[in-house]
Amino acid sequence: MTATDETPEVIAVTLQKGGTGKTFTAMNIAGGLAARGFEVLLVDFDPQGTLTANLGKREQYFDLDTLSLDEVLLDPSEWDRVTELIETDHEEFDLVPANQSYNGNKTPLDAADAGGNRFGRLLEHFEGEYHYVVCDCPPDFSPYAKNAVTAGENIVIPMIPETEMPHSVDLLFDQYDVLEMMHELDISYLASVMTVDSTKMTSEHQRIVSWFEDTFGEKGVVTDHRAAFARAKKNQRSIYAYEESLANAELDTYDRLVRLVMEQTEPPTFGIDVEAATQLSLDGIRRRREQTREKEVNA
C-alpha cells in the first residue's frame, strides 16, 4: 500500500534462530515507545505464541473458534476485520495475539499468492490509531516473518553470544537481500541488540561480543541480563512499566535500542509532539510513571 501521513511505522524483530530474545525485545521496544507517549500495537507473528502467553492471553491462543491473524491474512475478503483481532486491555500497548490455528511447519499461507506480502495491505486499517506496529517474528523465514518485514522494511535483530551467531546473521542478511530484490524493498536494519550475562562470560562469549561490536558499531547495543528485567516480563509488563526494572541502571543501556529505532523512523504525528516524545529522557519517563502511580493512589 502507499504510505500516508497517518500510516504507522512497522518494526520487525527477527532472526531465524530461536532463543535469542525476540519476544523480550519486541515487548520492550513497544514499552519504550509507549512510555514516551506513542500509540503502539504489538503483533505476535510467532505461531508458538510466546508473546501472547507472556501478556496473559494464553486462552486466546488455544481458542480455535476465535478469528485469528492467519485467517485474516489468508482471505482478502476478511482483511477489513483485522481490527477485530486487537486486544486493548494492556496498560502500555495493544496486541494482536497469535493463535494455535497457524502452528505447524507448513500452513496455507505458504502456498497463498503473495503470502509473505499481505500484512502491509492491512495497514490502512491502523491509520490514525497507531504510531508504531512492532512485530514479534517466528524463528524462521516463513511467510509470517516475511509479512512483518515487507510491511515496514524495518528490522531489529536480537542476539545472544553463541558461536553460531555470525553464521545466523549472515544467513539473515542473505535471505532478506533476496526478499528485498524480489519485492523491490529498501530494508533498513535499524539496530541489533546482544544480551549477555556478565556473570557467565567465557572467552568464546567475549569473542562473539567483539564480533558484534565490530560488525554493528553504533547500531549495536550490548546489554547485560538483569533479573529485574525478567521479573517485569513475569508480571506481564515491559521493563518501562515495572518499577524495579525502571529503576535499574542497566535500563539506560537498553534504552539506546529504543532511541535507535526512534532516530531512524518517522511515525505519524497525530495526537503527539513527535520531537518531544523522541527526546524524552529516561528520567522523564520515570517521573511520568511516578506521577501516574501517585494519581492511582490518590484516586
Protein backbone atom coordinates (compact mmCIF):
# COMPACT_ATOMS: atom_id res chain seq x y z
CA MET A 1 0.00 0.00 0.00
CA THR A 2 1.01 3.62 -0.37
CA ALA A 3 2.03 5.19 2.93
CA THR A 4 0.13 8.24 4.11
CA ASP A 5 0.80 10.77 6.85
CA GLU A 6 -1.10 8.50 9.25
CA THR A 7 0.47 5.15 8.32
CA PRO A 8 2.29 3.62 11.31
CA GLU A 9 5.92 2.61 11.19
CA VAL A 10 6.27 -1.19 11.27
CA ILE A 11 9.21 -2.77 13.09
CA ALA A 12 10.07 -6.46 12.57
CA VAL A 13 12.03 -8.08 15.40
CA THR A 14 13.51 -11.04 13.60
CA LEU A 15 16.21 -13.70 13.44
CA GLN A 16 15.73 -17.24 12.20
CA LYS A 17 17.44 -18.70 15.28
CA GLY A 18 15.34 -19.37 18.37
CA GLY A 19 16.16 -18.35 21.92
CA THR A 20 17.77 -15.00 21.13
CA GLY A 21 15.20 -12.80 22.88
CA LYS A 22 12.90 -11.77 20.04
CA THR A 23 9.80 -11.70 22.23
CA PHE A 24 11.58 -9.84 25.04
CA THR A 25 12.96 -7.34 22.54
CA ALA A 26 9.64 -6.73 20.77
CA MET A 27 7.84 -6.27 24.08
CA ASN A 28 10.38 -3.77 25.38
CA ILE A 29 10.75 -1.76 22.19
CA ALA A 30 6.97 -1.42 22.33
CA GLY A 31 7.18 -0.48 26.01
CA GLY A 32 9.89 2.10 25.44
CA LEU A 33 7.91 3.75 22.64
CA ALA A 34 4.66 3.67 24.61
CA ALA A 35 6.37 5.18 27.66
CA ARG A 36 7.16 8.20 25.50
CA GLY A 37 3.53 8.66 24.52
CA PHE A 38 3.40 6.81 21.19
CA GLU A 39 0.40 4.62 20.44
CA VAL A 40 1.81 1.13 19.84
CA LEU A 41 0.37 -2.12 18.52
CA LEU A 42 2.25 -5.37 19.19
CA VAL A 43 1.65 -8.19 16.70
CA ASP A 44 2.51 -11.79 17.61
CA PHE A 45 3.51 -13.38 14.31
CA ASP A 46 5.14 -16.36 16.04
CA PRO A 47 2.95 -19.49 15.82
CA GLN A 48 4.37 -20.57 19.19
CA GLY A 49 2.53 -17.65 20.78
CA THR A 50 5.12 -16.82 23.44
CA LEU A 51 4.37 -13.10 23.37
CA THR A 52 0.66 -13.83 23.59
CA ALA A 53 1.23 -16.03 26.65
CA ASN A 54 3.59 -13.52 28.26
CA LEU A 55 0.87 -10.88 28.05
CA GLY A 56 -1.71 -13.11 29.73
CA LYS A 57 -3.59 -14.19 26.60
CA ARG A 58 -2.91 -17.93 26.67
CA GLU A 59 -6.64 -18.75 26.50
CA GLN A 60 -6.98 -16.77 23.27
CA TYR A 61 -4.05 -18.71 21.82
CA PHE A 62 -5.82 -22.05 22.32
CA ASP A 63 -9.27 -20.84 21.23
CA LEU A 64 -9.62 -22.26 17.72
CA ASP A 65 -13.10 -20.80 17.35
CA THR A 66 -11.94 -17.21 17.50
CA LEU A 67 -10.89 -15.18 14.46
CA SER A 68 -7.12 -15.35 14.04
CA LEU A 69 -4.49 -13.37 12.17
CA ASP A 70 -3.70 -16.17 9.75
CA GLU A 71 -7.39 -16.43 8.77
CA VAL A 72 -7.48 -12.72 8.01
CA LEU A 73 -4.24 -12.84 6.02
CA LEU A 74 -5.41 -15.84 4.01
CA ASP A 75 -8.72 -14.37 2.88
CA PRO A 76 -8.70 -10.89 1.27
CA SER A 77 -12.45 -10.64 1.86
CA GLU A 78 -11.68 -10.71 5.60
CA TRP A 79 -8.96 -8.04 5.57
CA ASP A 80 -11.26 -5.34 6.91
CA ARG A 81 -11.82 -7.48 10.01
CA VAL A 82 -8.21 -7.15 11.15
CA THR A 83 -9.17 -4.62 13.82
CA GLU A 84 -11.38 -7.27 15.44
CA LEU A 85 -8.20 -9.10 16.42
CA ILE A 86 -6.88 -6.28 18.61
CA GLU A 87 -6.78 -6.74 22.38
CA THR A 88 -6.83 -3.35 24.12
CA ASP A 89 -6.68 -4.16 27.84
CA HIS A 90 -2.93 -3.87 28.40
CA GLU A 91 -1.86 -0.66 30.12
CA GLU A 92 1.03 0.04 27.75
CA PHE A 93 0.12 -1.11 24.25
CA ASP A 94 -2.44 -3.07 22.25
CA LEU A 95 -1.93 -6.61 21.00
CA VAL A 96 -2.84 -8.81 18.06
CA PRO A 97 -2.37 -12.26 19.62
CA ALA A 98 -1.15 -15.42 17.98
CA ASN A 99 -3.44 -18.42 17.69
CA GLN A 100 -2.73 -22.13 17.63
CA SER A 101 -4.54 -22.29 14.29
CA TYR A 102 -1.38 -21.27 12.45
CA ASN A 103 1.03 -23.54 14.29
CA GLY A 104 2.87 -26.06 12.16
CA ASN A 105 5.75 -26.50 9.76
CA LYS A 106 3.57 -25.78 6.75
CA THR A 107 0.48 -23.58 6.63
CA PRO A 108 -1.89 -22.46 3.83
CA LEU A 109 -0.17 -19.07 3.83
CA ASP A 110 2.96 -20.73 2.41
CA ALA A 111 1.05 -21.56 -0.77
CA ALA A 112 -1.05 -18.39 -0.96
CA ASP A 113 -0.46 -15.85 -3.70
CA ALA A 114 1.94 -13.22 -2.28
CA GLY A 115 1.58 -14.98 1.06
CA GLY A 116 4.56 -13.16 2.53
CA ASN A 117 3.46 -9.73 1.38
CA ARG A 118 -0.06 -9.25 2.75
CA PHE A 119 0.19 -7.59 6.15
CA GLY A 120 1.27 -4.30 4.61
CA ARG A 121 -2.05 -4.21 2.75
CA LEU A 122 -3.83 -4.12 6.11
CA LEU A 123 -2.03 -1.07 7.49
CA GLU A 124 -4.70 1.30 6.23
CA HIS A 125 -6.93 -0.12 8.96
CA PHE A 126 -4.44 1.10 11.58
CA GLU A 127 -4.06 4.62 10.18
CA GLY A 128 -4.77 7.32 12.74
CA GLU A 129 -4.71 4.72 15.53
CA TYR A 130 -1.05 3.75 15.97
CA HIS A 131 2.31 5.42 15.55
CA TYR A 132 4.20 2.12 15.64
CA VAL A 133 3.40 -1.52 14.94
CA VAL A 134 6.02 -3.83 16.48
CA CYS A 135 6.08 -7.43 15.22
CA ASP A 136 7.44 -10.41 17.12
CA CYS A 137 8.55 -12.75 14.34
CA PRO A 138 8.97 -16.54 14.41
CA PRO A 139 12.50 -18.06 14.35
CA ASP A 140 12.40 -18.78 10.63
CA PHE A 141 11.86 -17.26 7.18
CA SER A 142 8.22 -18.27 6.95
CA PRO A 143 5.54 -16.05 5.40
CA TYR A 144 4.79 -14.72 8.89
CA ALA A 145 8.30 -13.32 9.26
CA LYS A 146 8.25 -12.04 5.69
CA ASN A 147 4.92 -10.27 6.23
CA ALA A 148 6.38 -8.28 9.11
CA VAL A 149 9.46 -7.32 7.09
CA THR A 150 7.70 -6.42 3.84
CA ALA A 151 5.11 -4.31 5.67
CA GLY A 152 7.57 -1.82 7.12
CA GLU A 153 11.04 -2.65 5.76
CA ASN A 154 12.46 -2.04 9.26
CA ILE A 155 14.37 -4.76 11.09
CA VAL A 156 15.76 -5.11 14.62
CA ILE A 157 17.93 -8.17 15.29
CA PRO A 158 18.20 -9.67 18.80
CA MET A 159 21.16 -11.91 19.61
CA ILE A 160 22.97 -13.81 22.35
CA PRO A 161 26.72 -14.58 22.40
CA GLU A 162 26.68 -18.05 20.87
CA THR A 163 29.30 -19.42 18.48
CA GLU A 164 26.90 -19.82 15.54
CA MET A 165 25.59 -16.24 15.78
CA PRO A 166 27.75 -14.78 12.94
CA HIS A 167 26.54 -17.54 10.61
CA SER A 168 22.91 -16.96 11.60
CA VAL A 169 23.22 -13.24 10.93
CA ASP A 170 24.90 -13.80 7.57
CA LEU A 171 22.05 -16.13 6.63
CA LEU A 172 19.51 -13.49 7.66
CA PHE A 173 21.21 -10.86 5.51
CA ASP A 174 21.33 -13.24 2.54
CA GLN A 175 17.68 -14.23 2.85
CA TYR A 176 16.42 -10.68 3.21
CA ASP A 177 18.64 -9.47 0.37
CA VAL A 178 16.71 -11.89 -1.84
CA LEU A 179 13.38 -10.72 -0.40
CA GLU A 180 14.45 -7.12 -0.96
CA MET A 181 15.22 -7.80 -4.61
CA MET A 182 12.06 -9.82 -5.26
CA HIS A 183 9.71 -7.22 -3.78
CA GLU A 184 11.69 -4.06 -4.62
CA LEU A 185 12.11 -3.23 -0.94
CA ASP A 186 14.55 -0.94 0.81
CA ILE A 187 15.14 -2.74 4.10
CA SER A 188 16.63 -0.76 6.98
CA TYR A 189 18.50 -2.59 9.72
CA LEU A 190 17.65 -0.15 12.49
CA ALA A 191 19.52 -1.79 15.35
CA SER A 192 20.84 -5.00 16.83
CA VAL A 193 20.96 -5.98 20.48
CA MET A 194 23.27 -8.51 22.11
CA THR A 195 22.11 -9.70 25.53
CA VAL A 196 24.89 -11.10 27.69
CA ASP A 197 25.17 -12.46 31.22
CA SER A 198 28.30 -10.84 32.62
CA THR A 199 28.46 -13.42 35.43
CA LYS A 200 28.90 -16.26 32.92
CA MET A 201 31.09 -14.77 30.21
CA THR A 202 33.64 -17.11 28.63
CA SER A 203 36.39 -16.26 26.18
CA GLU A 204 34.15 -17.56 23.37
CA HIS A 205 31.30 -15.33 24.52
CA GLN A 206 33.66 -12.37 24.52
CA ARG A 207 34.83 -13.25 21.02
CA ILE A 208 31.23 -13.13 19.77
CA VAL A 209 30.63 -9.84 21.56
CA SER A 210 33.72 -8.39 19.88
CA TRP A 211 32.45 -9.62 16.51
CA PHE A 212 29.09 -7.99 17.27
CA GLU A 213 30.67 -4.65 18.18
CA ASP A 214 32.90 -4.69 15.09
CA THR A 215 30.01 -5.65 12.79
CA PHE A 216 27.27 -3.34 14.02
CA GLY A 217 29.16 -0.41 15.53
CA GLU A 218 26.88 2.43 16.65
CA LYS A 219 23.79 0.42 15.67
CA GLY A 220 24.70 -2.34 18.07
CA VAL A 221 23.67 -2.39 21.75
CA VAL A 222 25.27 -4.78 24.23
CA THR A 223 23.10 -5.13 27.31
CA ASP A 224 23.61 -7.18 30.46
CA HIS A 225 20.93 -9.56 31.67
CA ARG A 226 19.13 -8.34 34.77
CA ALA A 227 16.81 -10.37 36.97
CA ALA A 228 14.64 -7.28 37.37
CA PHE A 229 14.02 -7.35 33.62
CA ALA A 230 12.93 -10.99 33.77
CA ARG A 231 10.58 -10.16 36.63
CA ALA A 232 8.99 -7.42 34.55
CA LYS A 233 8.14 -9.99 31.87
CA LYS A 234 6.80 -12.36 34.54
CA ASN A 235 4.49 -9.54 35.61
CA GLN A 236 3.29 -9.11 32.00
CA ARG A 237 4.87 -5.68 31.62
CA SER A 238 7.71 -4.16 29.71
CA ILE A 239 10.78 -3.01 31.61
CA TYR A 240 9.49 0.56 31.21
CA ALA A 241 6.34 -0.12 33.25
CA TYR A 242 7.69 -2.22 36.13
CA GLU A 243 9.09 -0.21 39.00
CA GLU A 244 12.06 -2.48 39.78
CA SER A 245 13.32 -2.63 36.20
CA LEU A 246 12.53 1.02 35.54
CA ALA A 247 14.85 1.94 38.41
CA ASN A 248 17.62 -0.43 37.27
CA ALA A 249 20.74 1.31 35.94
CA GLU A 250 21.02 -1.17 33.03
CA LEU A 251 17.87 0.33 31.54
CA ASP A 252 19.98 3.32 30.50
CA THR A 253 22.00 0.99 28.28
CA TYR A 254 18.98 -0.90 26.96
CA ASP A 255 17.19 2.32 26.10
CA ARG A 256 19.78 3.00 23.40
CA LEU A 257 17.93 0.35 21.38
CA VAL A 258 14.65 2.26 21.55
CA ARG A 259 16.39 5.54 20.76
CA LEU A 260 18.00 3.98 17.68
CA VAL A 261 14.54 2.93 16.48
CA MET A 262 13.12 6.42 17.02
CA GLU A 263 16.05 8.18 15.36
CA GLN A 264 15.64 6.18 12.13
CA THR A 265 11.86 6.17 11.76
CA GLU A 266 9.20 8.77 11.02
CA PRO A 267 5.95 7.85 12.76
CA PRO A 268 2.77 9.81 12.03
CA THR A 269 2.27 12.96 14.08
CA PHE A 270 -1.41 12.70 15.04
CA GLY A 271 -2.06 13.32 18.72
CA ILE A 272 1.57 13.75 19.71
CA ASP A 273 4.60 16.02 19.52
CA VAL A 274 6.95 13.50 17.92
CA GLU A 275 10.08 15.56 18.56
CA ALA A 276 9.27 15.99 22.25
CA ALA A 277 8.40 12.30 22.59
CA THR A 278 11.63 11.25 20.90
CA GLN A 279 13.70 13.49 23.14
CA LEU A 280 12.04 12.38 26.39
CA SER A 281 14.73 11.03 28.70
CA LEU A 282 14.53 8.03 31.00
CA ASP A 283 14.36 10.41 33.95
CA GLY A 284 11.33 12.00 32.29
CA ILE A 285 9.76 8.57 31.82
CA ARG A 286 10.44 7.75 35.46
CA ARG A 287 8.83 10.99 36.59
CA ARG A 288 5.78 10.29 34.43
CA ARG A 289 5.50 6.82 35.94
CA GLU A 290 5.74 8.21 39.46
CA GLN A 291 3.07 10.82 38.75
CA THR A 292 0.77 8.14 37.34
CA ARG A 293 1.30 5.98 40.40
CA GLU A 294 0.54 8.89 42.73
CA LYS A 295 -2.70 9.62 40.87
CA GLU A 296 -3.74 5.99 41.16
CA VAL A 297 -3.05 6.01 44.91
CA ASN A 298 -4.99 9.22 45.41
CA ALA A 299 -7.92 8.26 43.18
